[in-house]
Amino acid sequence: MGFNKPTWTPGHDRHAESDTHFRQLKRLRARGERHARESIAARQLEGSLMSLAALLGSPVRDPDGHSVGELRDVFVNWTAGTSYPPMTAIVMRAGHRDIMISARWLEVTAPASIRLRSANAYARAVKRHSGDVALAHDVLDHQIVDSVGTQIVRPSDVYLATVRGRVELVGIEVGPAALLRRLGPKRLRGRIRPQRVIDWGAIHGFAPRPGEDEAAPRSRTAVAGQPGAAIALDRTAGDLKPLRPTEAQSALRRAGTRRAGDAS
């Protein structure tokens, strides 16, 4: 007959082989479900995160939608009591000079839209104040070091998010995917699909370049912007775990809850 009958070979446990096959299928199914969840979370984050790479070079528009300049940098203010520093100003190129506009005059929406609240927005000369961090100048592509001084990868992008009405610095992304997106065509920079995000809450401060010791304890931002200054983690490289998209979503939800608690 032409029927294919199951056969059993001496020395092989048919039940054990079946259990092994079942476990393999279960692992593959769980992996597929996890990948699907992460993909959905990444697409959702695209609508809530603001990418510094996408913001840089974007037009700053007046209330009528006319371009009045081009974004050059974003300032946040990072003090000892703040884990996720708020955006305080932008640096805009208008004509042949750079000017600073306070965040209170701005409406910033994901992924890269910046609009003035009023045509009479007050602009001033660019000046660094205590606690200020210029994200493009001080963070992007700067060396990251862990708590024992081990150098790790550099940030390819910086992420901000609106948390309870305030734009805050929430994380940095490392890895080739973010770098390729940033260096690619400008139309693709706003298509954010975070993969290897480091929570800004894991950043301890800025460290001087190798060979320069701090004479006394300083603020988190004391050496920010200086040549060779690095971004210092509060843990070792082995303890660092980049956030998956679902974890980044959870972190944003916690930040919103925390912000609501602070406001009440």
Protein backbone atom coordinates (compact mmCIF):
# COMPACT_ATOMS: atom_id res chain seq x y z
CA MET A 1 0.00 0.00 0.00
CA GLY A 2 1.07 3.57 -0.41
CA PHE A 3 0.35 4.67 3.14
CA ASN A 4 3.11 6.32 5.22
CA LYS A 5 2.87 4.85 8.69
CA PRO A 6 4.62 6.31 11.72
CA THR A 7 7.60 4.21 12.68
CA TRP A 8 9.45 3.74 15.90
CA THR A 9 13.18 3.15 16.10
CA PRO A 10 14.54 1.25 19.09
CA GLY A 11 16.41 3.59 21.46
CA HIS A 12 14.18 6.60 20.76
CA ASP A 13 11.44 7.75 23.10
CA ARG A 14 8.56 8.95 20.97
CA HIS A 15 7.01 10.87 23.89
CA ALA A 16 10.29 12.69 24.68
CA GLU A 17 10.69 13.74 21.05
CA SER A 18 7.11 14.98 20.99
CA ASP A 19 7.65 17.02 24.18
CA THR A 20 10.82 18.54 22.76
CA HIS A 21 9.03 19.51 19.56
CA PHE A 22 6.17 21.03 21.57
CA ARG A 23 8.56 23.12 23.68
CA GLN A 24 10.31 24.40 20.56
CA LEU A 25 7.01 25.42 19.01
CA LYS A 26 6.00 27.13 22.27
CA ARG A 27 9.25 29.11 22.35
CA LEU A 28 8.87 30.15 18.71
CA ARG A 29 5.27 31.23 19.31
CA ALA A 30 6.26 33.25 22.41
CA ARG A 31 9.10 34.88 20.48
CA GLY A 32 6.73 35.83 17.67
CA GLU A 33 4.19 37.28 20.09
CA ARG A 34 6.90 39.27 21.88
CA HIS A 35 8.18 40.63 18.56
CA ALA A 36 4.63 41.64 17.60
CA ARG A 37 4.14 43.48 20.91
CA GLU A 38 7.43 45.32 20.51
CA SER A 39 6.58 46.31 16.92
CA ILE A 40 3.20 47.71 17.99
CA ALA A 41 4.80 49.62 20.88
CA ALA A 42 7.48 51.02 18.55
CA ARG A 43 4.80 52.31 16.15
CA GLN A 44 2.91 53.90 19.04
CA LEU A 45 6.05 55.57 20.34
CA GLU A 46 6.50 57.12 16.91
CA GLY A 47 3.51 59.31 17.69
CA SER A 48 4.66 60.39 21.15
CA LEU A 49 8.45 60.74 21.07
CA MET A 50 10.30 63.70 19.58
CA SER A 51 13.63 62.91 17.95
CA LEU A 52 16.41 65.46 18.21
CA ALA A 53 17.76 64.16 14.89
CA ALA A 54 14.41 65.00 13.27
CA LEU A 55 14.16 68.40 15.00
CA LEU A 56 17.60 69.62 13.96
CA GLY A 57 17.30 71.66 10.79
CA SER A 58 13.49 71.73 10.97
CA PRO A 59 11.72 75.03 10.31
CA VAL A 60 10.43 77.05 13.25
CA ARG A 61 7.09 78.50 12.18
CA ASP A 62 5.06 81.48 13.34
CA PRO A 63 1.37 81.13 14.35
CA ASP A 64 0.37 81.51 10.68
CA GLY A 65 2.62 78.66 9.60
CA HIS A 66 5.35 80.75 7.96
CA SER A 67 8.96 79.72 8.56
CA VAL A 68 10.89 82.23 10.66
CA GLY A 69 14.08 80.23 11.17
CA GLU A 70 15.71 76.83 11.48
CA LEU A 71 16.22 74.88 14.68
CA ARG A 72 19.88 74.48 15.66
CA ASP A 73 19.72 73.08 19.20
CA VAL A 74 17.48 72.36 22.18
CA PHE A 75 18.29 73.40 25.75
CA VAL A 76 17.16 71.57 28.88
CA ASN A 77 17.90 72.46 32.47
CA TRP A 78 19.24 69.58 34.57
CA THR A 79 19.55 70.08 38.31
CA ALA A 80 20.21 67.68 41.18
CA GLY A 81 16.52 67.18 41.93
CA THR A 82 15.49 66.46 38.34
CA SER A 83 15.82 63.06 36.72
CA TYR A 84 14.18 64.10 33.44
CA PRO A 85 15.13 67.72 32.69
CA PRO A 86 12.54 69.99 31.07
CA MET A 87 13.12 71.80 27.79
CA THR A 88 13.77 75.46 28.55
CA ALA A 89 14.62 76.95 25.15
CA ILE A 90 15.62 76.35 21.55
CA VAL A 91 18.41 77.85 19.52
CA MET A 92 17.15 79.08 16.16
CA ARG A 93 19.13 80.29 13.15
CA ALA A 94 17.42 83.41 11.81
CA GLY A 95 19.22 84.96 8.89
CA HIS A 96 22.92 84.86 9.72
CA ARG A 97 22.70 84.69 13.51
CA ASP A 98 21.63 82.26 16.21
CA ILE A 99 19.04 83.40 18.74
CA MET A 100 17.42 81.73 21.75
CA ILE A 101 13.66 81.46 22.30
CA SER A 102 12.19 80.39 25.64
CA ALA A 103 10.09 77.23 25.73
CA ARG A 104 7.12 79.19 27.05
CA TRP A 105 6.75 80.73 23.58
CA LEU A 106 6.77 77.36 21.82
CA GLU A 107 4.42 74.56 20.83
CA VAL A 108 6.39 71.38 20.11
CA THR A 109 4.65 68.28 18.78
CA ALA A 110 5.92 64.88 17.70
CA PRO A 111 7.81 64.00 15.70
CA ALA A 112 9.36 67.36 14.70
CA SER A 113 6.96 70.30 14.59
CA ILE A 114 7.85 73.61 16.27
CA ARG A 115 5.56 76.62 16.21
CA LEU A 116 5.66 79.97 18.00
CA ARG A 117 2.68 80.72 20.23
CA SER A 118 2.87 84.38 19.28
CA ALA A 119 4.42 86.44 16.50
CA ASN A 120 5.76 88.67 19.29
CA ALA A 121 7.83 85.89 20.89
CA TYR A 122 10.83 87.34 22.68
CA ALA A 123 14.21 86.24 21.35
CA ARG A 124 17.54 86.80 23.09
CA ALA A 125 21.21 86.11 22.54
CA VAL A 126 22.33 82.52 23.10
CA LYS A 127 23.79 82.18 26.59
CA ARG A 128 24.39 79.15 28.80
CA HIS A 129 23.10 79.28 32.38
CA SER A 130 23.83 77.04 35.35
CA GLY A 131 22.29 73.62 34.81
CA ASP A 132 21.83 74.08 31.06
CA VAL A 133 22.51 71.25 28.61
CA ALA A 134 22.52 71.86 24.85
CA LEU A 135 21.43 68.48 23.51
CA ALA A 136 23.01 68.64 20.04
CA HIS A 137 26.22 70.25 21.26
CA ASP A 138 26.67 68.44 24.61
CA VAL A 139 25.00 65.01 24.21
CA LEU A 140 24.73 63.84 20.60
CA ASP A 141 27.76 61.72 19.58
CA HIS A 142 29.54 62.30 22.90
CA GLN A 143 31.25 59.40 24.64
CA ILE A 144 29.27 57.49 27.28
CA VAL A 145 31.22 56.10 30.23
CA ASP A 146 29.95 53.81 32.96
CA SER A 147 30.44 54.19 36.71
CA VAL A 148 33.94 52.64 36.59
CA GLY A 149 35.09 54.66 33.58
CA THR A 150 34.54 52.05 30.85
CA GLN A 151 33.75 53.70 27.53
CA ILE A 152 30.67 52.48 25.70
CA VAL A 153 28.82 53.51 22.57
CA ARG A 154 27.89 57.09 21.73
CA PRO A 155 24.30 58.38 21.47
CA SER A 156 22.97 58.43 17.91
CA ASP A 157 19.76 60.21 18.86
CA VAL A 158 18.13 61.97 21.80
CA TYR A 159 14.44 61.67 22.67
CA LEU A 160 12.05 64.13 24.25
CA ALA A 161 8.39 63.64 25.13
CA THR A 162 5.53 65.78 26.34
CA VAL A 163 4.70 64.73 29.89
CA ARG A 164 1.67 66.45 31.38
CA GLY A 165 2.08 69.50 29.21
CA ARG A 166 5.84 69.85 29.64
CA VAL A 167 8.50 68.71 27.15
CA GLU A 168 11.13 66.63 28.94
CA LEU A 169 14.34 64.83 28.00
CA VAL A 170 13.53 61.14 28.48
CA GLY A 171 16.29 59.09 26.86
CA ILE A 172 19.03 58.54 24.33
CA GLU A 173 19.29 55.88 21.66
CA VAL A 174 22.44 54.00 20.72
CA GLY A 175 23.16 51.63 17.87
CA PRO A 176 23.53 51.66 14.09
CA ALA A 177 19.79 51.80 13.30
CA ALA A 178 19.36 55.23 14.90
CA LEU A 179 22.59 56.48 13.31
CA LEU A 180 21.54 55.36 9.82
CA ARG A 181 18.15 57.03 10.23
CA ARG A 182 19.79 60.25 11.36
CA LEU A 183 22.29 60.27 8.50
CA GLY A 184 19.71 59.26 5.90
CA PRO A 185 17.23 61.43 3.99
CA LYS A 186 15.57 64.09 6.13
CA ARG A 187 12.09 62.79 5.26
CA LEU A 188 12.90 59.56 7.13
CA ARG A 189 14.21 61.09 10.36
CA GLY A 190 10.76 61.50 11.85
CA ARG A 191 9.96 57.79 11.41
CA ILE A 192 11.02 56.86 14.90
CA ARG A 193 11.24 53.16 15.73
CA PRO A 194 13.29 53.08 18.95
CA GLN A 195 15.17 49.84 19.53
CA ARG A 196 17.99 50.51 22.02
CA VAL A 197 16.93 53.37 24.28
CA ILE A 198 18.81 54.24 27.46
CA ASP A 199 16.59 55.84 30.09
CA TRP A 200 17.91 59.31 30.93
CA GLY A 201 17.23 58.42 34.56
CA ALA A 202 20.30 56.14 34.34
CA ILE A 203 22.56 59.13 33.52
CA HIS A 204 24.51 60.45 36.50
CA GLY A 205 25.99 63.60 34.97
CA PHE A 206 28.85 64.79 32.79
CA ALA A 207 32.42 63.67 33.38
CA PRO A 208 35.64 65.50 32.42
CA ARG A 209 37.82 64.10 29.68
CA PRO A 210 40.24 61.31 30.66
CA GLY A 211 43.20 62.50 32.72
CA GLU A 212 41.36 65.45 34.24
CA ASP A 213 40.23 64.88 37.81
CA GLU A 214 37.57 66.96 39.45
CA ALA A 215 39.09 68.85 42.37
CA ALA A 216 35.77 68.98 44.21
CA PRO A 217 32.25 67.63 43.75
CA ARG A 218 30.44 69.51 41.01
CA SER A 219 26.98 69.78 39.57
CA ARG A 220 25.74 67.34 36.96
CA THR A 221 26.38 69.88 34.21
CA ALA A 222 29.60 71.54 35.38
CA VAL A 223 31.68 70.24 32.45
CA ALA A 224 28.86 69.88 29.90
CA GLY A 225 29.92 71.33 26.57
CA GLN A 226 33.64 71.24 27.32
CA PRO A 227 35.86 69.43 24.79
CA GLY A 228 36.11 65.75 25.63
CA ALA A 229 33.41 65.84 28.32
CA ALA A 230 31.59 62.49 28.52
CA ILE A 231 28.13 61.38 29.62
CA ALA A 232 28.47 59.39 32.84
CA LEU A 233 26.15 56.53 33.81
CA ASP A 234 25.22 55.71 37.39
CA ARG A 235 25.93 51.99 36.85
CA THR A 236 28.39 49.67 35.16
CA ALA A 237 28.11 48.68 31.51
CA GLY A 238 27.13 45.14 32.57
CA ASP A 239 24.19 46.49 34.56
CA LEU A 240 22.96 48.70 31.72
CA LYS A 241 19.90 47.36 29.95
CA PRO A 242 18.54 49.35 27.00
CA LEU A 243 14.76 49.74 27.13
CA ARG A 244 12.64 47.78 24.68
CA PRO A 245 9.74 49.75 23.11
CA THR A 246 7.20 48.28 25.57
CA GLU A 247 9.47 49.25 28.48
CA ALA A 248 9.89 52.76 27.06
CA GLN A 249 6.10 53.06 26.93
CA SER A 250 5.82 51.98 30.56
CA ALA A 251 8.48 54.50 31.57
CA LEU A 252 6.54 57.30 29.87
CA ARG A 253 3.34 56.24 31.63
CA ARG A 254 5.14 56.26 34.98
CA ALA A 255 6.54 59.71 34.21
CA GLY A 256 3.04 60.98 33.47
CA THR A 257 1.71 59.52 36.72
CA ARG A 258 4.62 60.98 38.66
CA ARG A 259 4.08 64.38 37.09
CA ALA A 260 0.38 64.28 37.94
CA GLY A 261 1.25 63.41 41.55
CA ASP A 262 3.69 66.30 41.74
CA ALA A 263 1.06 68.70 40.43
CA SER A 264 -1.62 67.63 42.95
